[in-house]
PDB file of N, CA and C in Angstrom:
ATOM      1  N   MET A   1       0.779  -1.127  -0.005  1.00  0.00           N
ATOM      2  CA  MET A   1      -0.080  -0.125  -0.031  1.00  0.00           C
ATOM      3  C   MET A   1       0.852   1.272  -0.079  1.00  0.00           C
ATOM      4  N   GLN A   2       0.511   2.198  -0.679  1.00  0.00           N
ATOM      5  CA  GLN A   2       1.164   3.517  -0.894  1.00  0.00           C
ATOM      6  C   GLN A   2       1.546   4.101   0.527  1.00  0.00           C
ATOM      7  N   VAL A   3       0.425   4.263   1.403  1.00  0.00           N
ATOM      8  CA  VAL A   3       0.550   4.874   2.494  1.00  0.00           C
ATOM      9  C   VAL A   3       1.586   4.253   3.438  1.00  0.00           C
ATOM     10  N   ALA A   4       1.572   3.014   3.676  1.00  0.00           N
ATOM     11  CA  ALA A   4       2.428   2.200   4.368  1.00  0.00           C
ATOM     12  C   ALA A   4       3.881   2.577   3.708  1.00  0.00           C
ATOM     13  N   GLN A   5       3.871   2.342   2.621  1.00  0.00           N
ATOM     14  CA  GLN A   5       5.313   2.651   1.796  1.00  0.00           C
ATOM     15  C   GLN A   5       5.842   3.938   2.195  1.00  0.00           C
ATOM     16  N   GLN A   6       5.002   5.029   2.190  1.00  0.00           N
ATOM     17  CA  GLN A   6       5.407   6.466   2.482  1.00  0.00           C
ATOM     18  C   GLN A   6       6.030   6.468   3.949  1.00  0.00           C
ATOM     19  N   LEU A   7       5.420   5.794   4.951  1.00  0.00           N
ATOM     20  CA  LEU A   7       5.865   5.755   6.175  1.00  0.00           C
ATOM     21  C   LEU A   7       7.208   4.981   6.439  1.00  0.00           C
ATOM     22  N   GLN A   8       7.275   3.984   5.709  1.00  0.00           N
ATOM     23  CA  GLN A   8       8.584   3.204   5.684  1.00  0.00           C
ATOM     24  C   GLN A   8       9.701   4.043   5.397  1.00  0.00           C
ATOM     25  N   ASP A   9       9.403   4.774   4.104  1.00  0.00           N
ATOM     26  CA  ASP A   9      10.494   5.582   3.577  1.00  0.00           C
ATOM     27  C   ASP A   9      10.985   6.595   4.498  1.00  0.00           C
ATOM     28  N   ARG A  10      10.011   7.201   5.439  1.00  0.00           N
ATOM     29  CA  ARG A  10      10.469   8.346   6.248  1.00  0.00           C
ATOM     30  C   ARG A  10      11.175   7.685   7.468  1.00  0.00           C
ATOM     31  N   ARG A  11      10.894   6.442   7.797  1.00  0.00           N
ATOM     32  CA  ARG A  11      11.774   5.829   8.962  1.00  0.00           C
ATOM     33  C   ARG A  11      13.088   5.689   8.630  1.00  0.00           C
ATOM     34  N   GLY A  12      13.511   5.382   7.387  1.00  0.00           N
ATOM     35  CA  GLY A  12      14.779   4.900   7.050  1.00  0.00           C
ATOM     36  C   GLY A  12      14.946   3.589   6.874  1.00  0.00           C
ATOM     37  N   THR A  13      14.475   2.815   7.989  1.00  0.00           N
ATOM     38  CA  THR A  13      14.517   1.390   8.011  1.00  0.00           C
ATOM     39  C   THR A  13      12.979   1.001   8.227  1.00  0.00           C
ATOM     40  N   SER A  14      12.521   0.031   7.213  1.00  0.00           N
ATOM     41  CA  SER A  14      11.116  -0.378   7.371  1.00  0.00           C
ATOM     42  C   SER A  14      11.081  -1.606   8.432  1.00  0.00           C
ATOM     43  N   LEU A  15      10.132  -1.459   9.180  1.00  0.00           N
ATOM     44  CA  LEU A  15       9.699  -2.721  10.048  1.00  0.00           C
ATOM     45  C   LEU A  15       8.875  -3.754   9.317  1.00  0.00           C
ATOM     46  N   HIS A  16       9.161  -4.992   9.534  1.00  0.00           N
ATOM     47  CA  HIS A  16       8.510  -6.176   8.931  1.00  0.00           C
ATOM     48  C   HIS A  16       7.146  -6.234   9.492  1.00  0.00           C
ATOM     49  N   HIS A  17       6.128  -6.606   8.849  1.00  0.00           N
ATOM     50  CA  HIS A  17       4.794  -6.785   9.205  1.00  0.00           C
ATOM     51  C   HIS A  17       4.835  -7.599  10.650  1.00  0.00           C
ATOM     52  N   ASP A  18       5.582  -8.543  10.717  1.00  0.00           N
ATOM     53  CA  ASP A  18       5.524  -9.364  11.995  1.00  0.00           C
ATOM     54  C   ASP A  18       5.903  -8.578  13.289  1.00  0.00           C
ATOM     55  N   GLU A  19       7.008  -7.652  13.004  1.00  0.00           N
ATOM     56  CA  GLU A  19       7.308  -6.740  14.156  1.00  0.00           C
ATOM     57  C   GLU A  19       6.129  -6.014  14.632  1.00  0.00           C
ATOM     58  N   HIS A  20       5.245  -5.218  13.646  1.00  0.00           N
ATOM     59  CA  HIS A  20       4.139  -4.635  14.105  1.00  0.00           C
ATOM     60  C   HIS A  20       3.147  -5.524  14.758  1.00  0.00           C
ATOM     61  N   TRP A  21       2.966  -6.664  14.104  1.00  0.00           N
ATOM     62  CA  TRP A  21       2.062  -7.747  14.785  1.00  0.00           C
ATOM     63  C   TRP A  21       2.390  -8.201  16.190  1.00  0.00           C
ATOM     64  N   ASN A  22       3.563  -8.405  16.347  1.00  0.00           N
ATOM     65  CA  ASN A  22       4.176  -8.799  17.490  1.00  0.00           C
ATOM     66  C   ASN A  22       4.084  -7.657  18.743  1.00  0.00           C
ATOM     67  N   SER A  23       4.003  -6.536  18.451  1.00  0.00           N
ATOM     68  CA  SER A  23       3.851  -5.423  19.243  1.00  0.00           C
ATOM     69  C   SER A  23       2.454  -5.098  19.613  1.00  0.00           C
ATOM     70  N   MET A  24       1.461  -5.792  19.037  1.00  0.00           N
ATOM     71  CA  MET A  24       0.129  -5.688  19.420  1.00  0.00           C
ATOM     72  C   MET A  24      -0.237  -6.497  20.548  1.00  0.00           C
ATOM     73  N   SER A  25      -1.448  -5.966  21.417  1.00  0.00           N
ATOM     74  CA  SER A  25      -1.937  -6.717  22.364  1.00  0.00           C
ATOM     75  C   SER A  25      -2.801  -7.852  21.958  1.00  0.00           C
ATOM     76  N   ALA A  26      -2.985  -8.850  22.849  1.00  0.00           N
ATOM     77  CA  ALA A  26      -3.943 -10.001  22.444  1.00  0.00           C
ATOM     78  C   ALA A  26      -5.326  -9.461  21.939  1.00  0.00           C
ATOM     79  N   GLU A  27      -5.916  -8.451  22.632  1.00  0.00           N
ATOM     80  CA  GLU A  27      -7.190  -7.990  22.331  1.00  0.00           C
ATOM     81  C   GLU A  27      -7.116  -7.260  20.917  1.00  0.00           C
ATOM     82  N   GLN A  28      -6.060  -6.518  20.572  1.00  0.00           N
ATOM     83  CA  GLN A  28      -5.928  -5.962  19.358  1.00  0.00           C
ATOM     84  C   GLN A  28      -5.838  -7.071  18.225  1.00  0.00           C
ATOM     85  N   LYS A  29      -5.159  -8.037  18.455  1.00  0.00           N
ATOM     86  CA  LYS A  29      -4.989  -9.131  17.568  1.00  0.00           C
ATOM     87  C   LYS A  29      -6.359  -9.703  17.257  1.00  0.00           C
ATOM     88  N   MET A  30      -7.179 -10.072  18.233  1.00  0.00           N
ATOM     89  CA  MET A  30      -8.529 -10.606  18.002  1.00  0.00           C
ATOM     90  C   MET A  30      -9.351  -9.743  17.318  1.00  0.00           C
ATOM     91  N   ALA A  31      -9.315  -8.465  17.547  1.00  0.00           N
ATOM     92  CA  ALA A  31     -10.193  -7.435  16.845  1.00  0.00           C
ATOM     93  C   ALA A  31      -9.889  -7.354  15.411  1.00  0.00           C
ATOM     94  N   LEU A  32      -8.592  -7.414  15.068  1.00  0.00           N
ATOM     95  CA  LEU A  32      -7.979  -7.242  13.823  1.00  0.00           C
ATOM     96  C   LEU A  32      -8.436  -8.586  13.008  1.00  0.00           C
ATOM     97  N   TYR A  33      -8.283  -9.624  13.675  1.00  0.00           N
ATOM     98  CA  TYR A  33      -8.588 -11.081  13.095  1.00  0.00           C
ATOM     99  C   TYR A  33     -10.066 -11.059  12.721  1.00  0.00           C
ATOM    100  N   ASN A  34     -10.856 -10.564  13.571  1.00  0.00           N
ATOM    101  CA  ASN A  34     -12.250 -10.410  13.262  1.00  0.00           C
ATOM    102  C   ASN A  34     -12.662  -9.563  12.035  1.00  0.00           C
ATOM    103  N   LEU A  35     -11.762  -8.295  11.693  1.00  0.00           N
ATOM    104  CA  LEU A  35     -12.040  -7.447  10.786  1.00  0.00           C
ATOM    105  C   LEU A  35     -11.401  -7.935   9.547  1.00  0.00           C
ATOM    106  N   HIS A  36     -10.547  -8.796   9.573  1.00  0.00           N
ATOM    107  CA  HIS A  36      -9.712  -9.141   8.351  1.00  0.00           C
ATOM    108  C   HIS A  36     -10.694  -9.710   7.252  1.00  0.00           C
ATOM    109  N   ARG A  37     -11.692 -10.446   7.622  1.00  0.00           N
ATOM    110  CA  ARG A  37     -12.623 -10.851   6.693  1.00  0.00           C
ATOM    111  C   ARG A  37     -13.374  -9.897   5.946  1.00  0.00           C
ATOM    112  N   PHE A  38     -13.465  -8.709   6.471  1.00  0.00           N
ATOM    113  CA  PHE A  38     -13.989  -7.482   5.883  1.00  0.00           C
ATOM    114  C   PHE A  38     -13.078  -6.697   5.046  1.00  0.00           C
ATOM    115  N   GLY A  39     -11.572  -7.235   4.848  1.00  0.00           N
ATOM    116  CA  GLY A  39     -10.784  -6.541   4.000  1.00  0.00           C
ATOM    117  C   GLY A  39      -9.800  -5.614   4.792  1.00  0.00           C
ATOM    118  N   TYR A  40      -9.816  -5.630   6.159  1.00  0.00           N
ATOM    119  CA  TYR A  40      -8.968  -4.690   6.865  1.00  0.00           C
ATOM    120  C   TYR A  40      -7.468  -5.303   6.997  1.00  0.00           C
ATOM    121  N   ARG A  41      -6.625  -4.465   7.034  1.00  0.00           N
ATOM    122  CA  ARG A  41      -5.225  -5.012   7.045  1.00  0.00           C
ATOM    123  C   ARG A  41      -4.493  -3.898   7.994  1.00  0.00           C
ATOM    124  N   LEU A  42      -3.523  -4.553   8.586  1.00  0.00           N
ATOM    125  CA  LEU A  42      -2.519  -3.802   9.684  1.00  0.00           C
ATOM    126  C   LEU A  42      -1.611  -2.848   8.944  1.00  0.00           C
ATOM    127  N   LEU A  43      -1.676  -1.524   9.053  1.00  0.00           N
ATOM    128  CA  LEU A  43      -0.555  -0.631   8.501  1.00  0.00           C
ATOM    129  C   LEU A  43       0.689  -0.542   9.441  1.00  0.00           C
ATOM    130  N   PHE A  44       0.355  -0.283  10.620  1.00  0.00           N
ATOM    131  CA  PHE A  44       1.511  -0.110  11.574  1.00  0.00           C
ATOM    132  C   PHE A  44       0.869   0.135  12.868  1.00  0.00           C
ATOM    133  N   VAL A  45       1.791   0.107  14.008  1.00  0.00           N
ATOM    134  CA  VAL A  45       1.513   0.299  15.314  1.00  0.00           C
ATOM    135  C   VAL A  45       2.308   1.387  15.998  1.00  0.00           C
ATOM    136  N   ARG A  46       1.689   2.270  16.724  1.00  0.00           N
ATOM    137  CA  ARG A  46       2.263   3.311  17.222  1.00  0.00           C
ATOM    138  C   ARG A  46       2.269   3.004  18.942  1.00  0.00           C
ATOM    139  N   HIS A  47       3.277   3.328  19.388  1.00  0.00           N
ATOM    140  CA  HIS A  47       3.419   3.157  20.883  1.00  0.00           C
ATOM    141  C   HIS A  47       3.233   4.493  21.619  1.00  0.00           C
ATOM    142  N   LEU A  48       2.137   4.487  22.317  1.00  0.00           N
ATOM    143  CA  LEU A  48       1.622   5.611  23.028  1.00  0.00           C
ATOM    144  C   LEU A  48       1.790   5.341  24.596  1.00  0.00           C
ATOM    145  N   PRO A  49       1.792   6.313  25.389  1.00  0.00           N
ATOM    146  CA  PRO A  49       1.687   6.082  26.871  1.00  0.00           C
ATOM    147  C   PRO A  49       0.590   5.152  27.360  1.00  0.00           C
ATOM    148  N   SER A  50      -0.651   5.268  26.556  1.00  0.00           N
ATOM    149  CA  SER A  50      -1.695   4.673  26.947  1.00  0.00           C
ATOM    150  C   SER A  50      -1.646   3.111  26.502  1.00  0.00           C
ATOM    151  N   GLY A  51      -0.539   2.854  25.714  1.00  0.00           N
ATOM    152  CA  GLY A  51      -0.440   1.243  25.187  1.00  0.00           C
ATOM    153  C   GLY A  51      -0.395   1.540  23.667  1.00  0.00           C
ATOM    154  N   PRO A  52      -0.203   0.264  23.002  1.00  0.00           N
ATOM    155  CA  PRO A  52      -0.149   0.308  21.480  1.00  0.00           C
ATOM    156  C   PRO A  52      -1.451   0.711  20.938  1.00  0.00           C
ATOM    157  N   LEU A  53      -1.213   1.544  19.743  1.00  0.00           N
ATOM    158  CA  LEU A  53      -2.488   1.917  18.899  1.00  0.00           C
ATOM    159  C   LEU A  53      -2.192   1.454  17.541  1.00  0.00           C
ATOM    160  N   ALA A  54      -3.039   0.503  17.195  1.00  0.00           N
ATOM    161  CA  ALA A  54      -2.875  -0.319  15.697  1.00  0.00           C
ATOM    162  C   ALA A  54      -3.677   0.733  14.883  1.00  0.00           C
ATOM    163  N   ILE A  55      -2.939   0.858  13.689  1.00  0.00           N
ATOM    164  CA  ILE A  55      -3.556   1.663  12.446  1.00  0.00           C
ATOM    165  C   ILE A  55      -3.889   0.662  11.483  1.00  0.00           C
ATOM    166  N   ILE A  56      -5.116   0.619  11.137  1.00  0.00           N
ATOM    167  CA  ILE A  56      -5.617  -0.375  10.199  1.00  0.00           C
ATOM    168  C   ILE A  56      -6.255   0.375   9.053  1.00  0.00           C
ATOM    169  N   ALA A  57      -6.553  -0.346   7.989  1.00  0.00           N
ATOM    170  CA  ALA A  57      -7.093   0.293   6.848  1.00  0.00           C
ATOM    171  C   ALA A  57      -7.965  -0.827   6.036  1.00  0.00           C
ATOM    172  N   GLN A  58      -9.039  -0.330   5.513  1.00  0.00           N
ATOM    173  CA  GLN A  58      -9.926  -1.089   4.577  1.00  0.00           C
ATOM    174  C   GLN A  58      -9.988  -0.059   3.389  1.00  0.00           C
ATOM    175  N   GLN A  59      -9.258  -0.566   2.262  1.00  0.00           N
ATOM    176  CA  GLN A  59      -9.055   0.302   1.081  1.00  0.00           C
ATOM    177  C   GLN A  59      -8.507   1.684   1.662  1.00  0.00           C
ATOM    178  N   ASN A  60      -9.207   2.745   1.370  1.00  0.00           N
ATOM    179  CA  ASN A  60      -8.656   4.001   1.794  1.00  0.00           C
ATOM    180  C   ASN A  60      -9.121   4.503   3.160  1.00  0.00           C
ATOM    181  N   GLN A  61      -9.977   3.802   3.703  1.00  0.00           N
ATOM    182  CA  GLN A  61     -10.705   4.133   5.065  1.00  0.00           C
ATOM    183  C   GLN A  61      -9.762   3.669   6.256  1.00  0.00           C
ATOM    184  N   LEU A  62      -9.206   4.726   6.972  1.00  0.00           N
ATOM    185  CA  LEU A  62      -8.380   4.305   8.079  1.00  0.00           C
ATOM    186  C   LEU A  62      -9.279   4.065   9.425  1.00  0.00           C
ATOM    187  N   SER A  63      -8.844   3.248  10.202  1.00  0.00           N
ATOM    188  CA  SER A  63      -9.414   2.882  11.525  1.00  0.00           C
ATOM    189  C   SER A  63      -8.361   2.662  12.508  1.00  0.00           C
ATOM    190  N   THR A  64      -8.633   2.665  13.901  1.00  0.00           N
ATOM    191  CA  THR A  64      -7.611   2.138  14.794  1.00  0.00           C
ATOM    192  C   THR A  64      -8.240   1.204  15.674  1.00  0.00           C
ATOM    193  N   ILE A  65      -7.230   0.531  16.438  1.00  0.00           N
ATOM    194  CA  ILE A  65      -7.646  -0.441  17.494  1.00  0.00           C
ATOM    195  C   ILE A  65      -6.750  -0.144  18.795  1.00  0.00           C
ATOM    196  N   ASP A  66      -7.416   0.200  19.892  1.00  0.00           N
ATOM    197  CA  ASP A  66      -6.691   0.710  20.953  1.00  0.00           C
ATOM    198  C   ASP A  66      -6.194  -0.654  21.699  1.00  0.00           C
ATOM    199  N   SER A  67      -5.446  -0.472  22.768  1.00  0.00           N
ATOM    200  CA  SER A  67      -4.798  -1.656  23.501  1.00  0.00           C
ATOM    201  C   SER A  67      -5.777  -2.665  23.996  1.00  0.00           C
ATOM    202  N   HIS A  68      -7.139  -2.189  24.287  1.00  0.00           N
ATOM    203  CA  HIS A  68      -8.028  -2.967  24.774  1.00  0.00           C
ATOM    204  C   HIS A  68      -8.883  -3.675  23.825  1.00  0.00           C
ATOM    205  N   GLY A  69      -8.707  -3.417  22.503  1.00  0.00           N
ATOM    206  CA  GLY A  69      -9.326  -4.074  21.342  1.00  0.00           C
ATOM    207  C   GLY A  69     -10.410  -3.329  20.859  1.00  0.00           C
ATOM    208  N   ASN A  70     -10.722  -2.086  21.389  1.00  0.00           N
ATOM    209  CA  ASN A  70     -11.721  -1.253  20.883  1.00  0.00           C
ATOM    210  C   ASN A  70     -11.358  -0.702  19.505  1.00  0.00           C
ATOM    211  N   VAL A  71     -12.479  -0.761  18.664  1.00  0.00           N
ATOM    212  CA  VAL A  71     -12.249  -0.285  17.231  1.00  0.00           C
ATOM    213  C   VAL A  71     -12.754   0.970  16.975  1.00  0.00           C
ATOM    214  N   ASN A  72     -12.072   1.968  16.506  1.00  0.00           N
ATOM    215  CA  ASN A  72     -12.594   3.218  16.134  1.00  0.00           C
ATOM    216  C   ASN A  72     -12.568   3.484  14.566  1.00  0.00           C
ATOM    217  N   HIS A  73     -13.754   3.416  13.918  1.00  0.00           N
ATOM    218  CA  HIS A  73     -13.792   3.400  12.637  1.00  0.00           C
ATOM    219  C   HIS A  73     -13.766   4.989  12.123  1.00  0.00           C
ATOM    220  N   ASN A  74     -13.852   5.955  12.790  1.00  0.00           N
ATOM    221  CA  ASN A  74     -13.748   7.223  12.549  1.00  0.00           C
ATOM    222  C   ASN A  74     -12.666   8.031  13.348  1.00  0.00           C
ATOM    223  N   PRO A  75     -11.348   7.644  13.295  1.00  0.00           N
ATOM    224  CA  PRO A  75     -10.452   8.301  14.106  1.00  0.00           C
ATOM    225  C   PRO A  75      -9.952   9.543  13.686  1.00  0.00           C
ATOM    226  N   ARG A  76      -9.570  10.370  14.548  1.00  0.00           N
ATOM    227  CA  ARG A  76      -9.085  11.715  14.074  1.00  0.00           C
ATOM    228  C   ARG A  76      -7.601  11.707  14.031  1.00  0.00           C
ATOM    229  N   ILE A  77      -7.272  11.084  13.059  1.00  0.00           N
ATOM    230  CA  ILE A  77      -5.766  11.089  12.735  1.00  0.00           C
ATOM    231  C   ILE A  77      -5.454  11.362  11.237  1.00  0.00           C
ATOM    232  N   ARG A  78      -4.254  12.027  11.163  1.00  0.00           N
ATOM    233  CA  ARG A  78      -3.833  12.306   9.829  1.00  0.00           C
ATOM    234  C   ARG A  78      -2.492  11.547   9.520  1.00  0.00           C
ATOM    235  N   LEU A  79      -2.420  11.157   8.370  1.00  0.00           N
ATOM    236  CA  LEU A  79      -0.957  10.604   8.052  1.00  0.00           C
ATOM    237  C   LEU A  79      -0.229  11.725   7.252  1.00  0.00           C
ATOM    238  N   ARG A  80       0.987  11.815   7.686  1.00  0.00           N
ATOM    239  CA  ARG A  80       1.934  12.796   6.872  1.00  0.00           C
ATOM    240  C   ARG A  80       1.951  12.642   5.394  1.00  0.00           C
ATOM    241  N   ASP A  81       1.823  13.432   4.621  1.00  0.00           N
ATOM    242  CA  ASP A  81       2.050  13.288   3.253  1.00  0.00           C
ATOM    243  C   ASP A  81       3.683  13.290   3.067  1.00  0.00           C
ATOM    244  N   GLN A  82       4.074  12.848   1.874  1.00  0.00           N
ATOM    245  CA  GLN A  82       5.451  12.570   1.550  1.00  0.00           C
ATOM    246  C   GLN A  82       6.021  13.939   1.221  1.00  0.00           C
TER     247      GLN A  82
END
């Protein structure tokens, strides 16, 4: 995906999908597993003081999963442009 590629380019070193997956809580993994059948995919995980925040996407629609597994389909986030 282009958005994920842009983020990887900014980091200098790209993290492998497994590294993002392993940094998620069990609740986040279950939520994403349930959403996967609808076409959602993991883009990356941000580490916040409140815990990991998974950024997921279905086509061009962004959603988040907090550390407790709660899904927000209308998050107030913006990804930086390249």
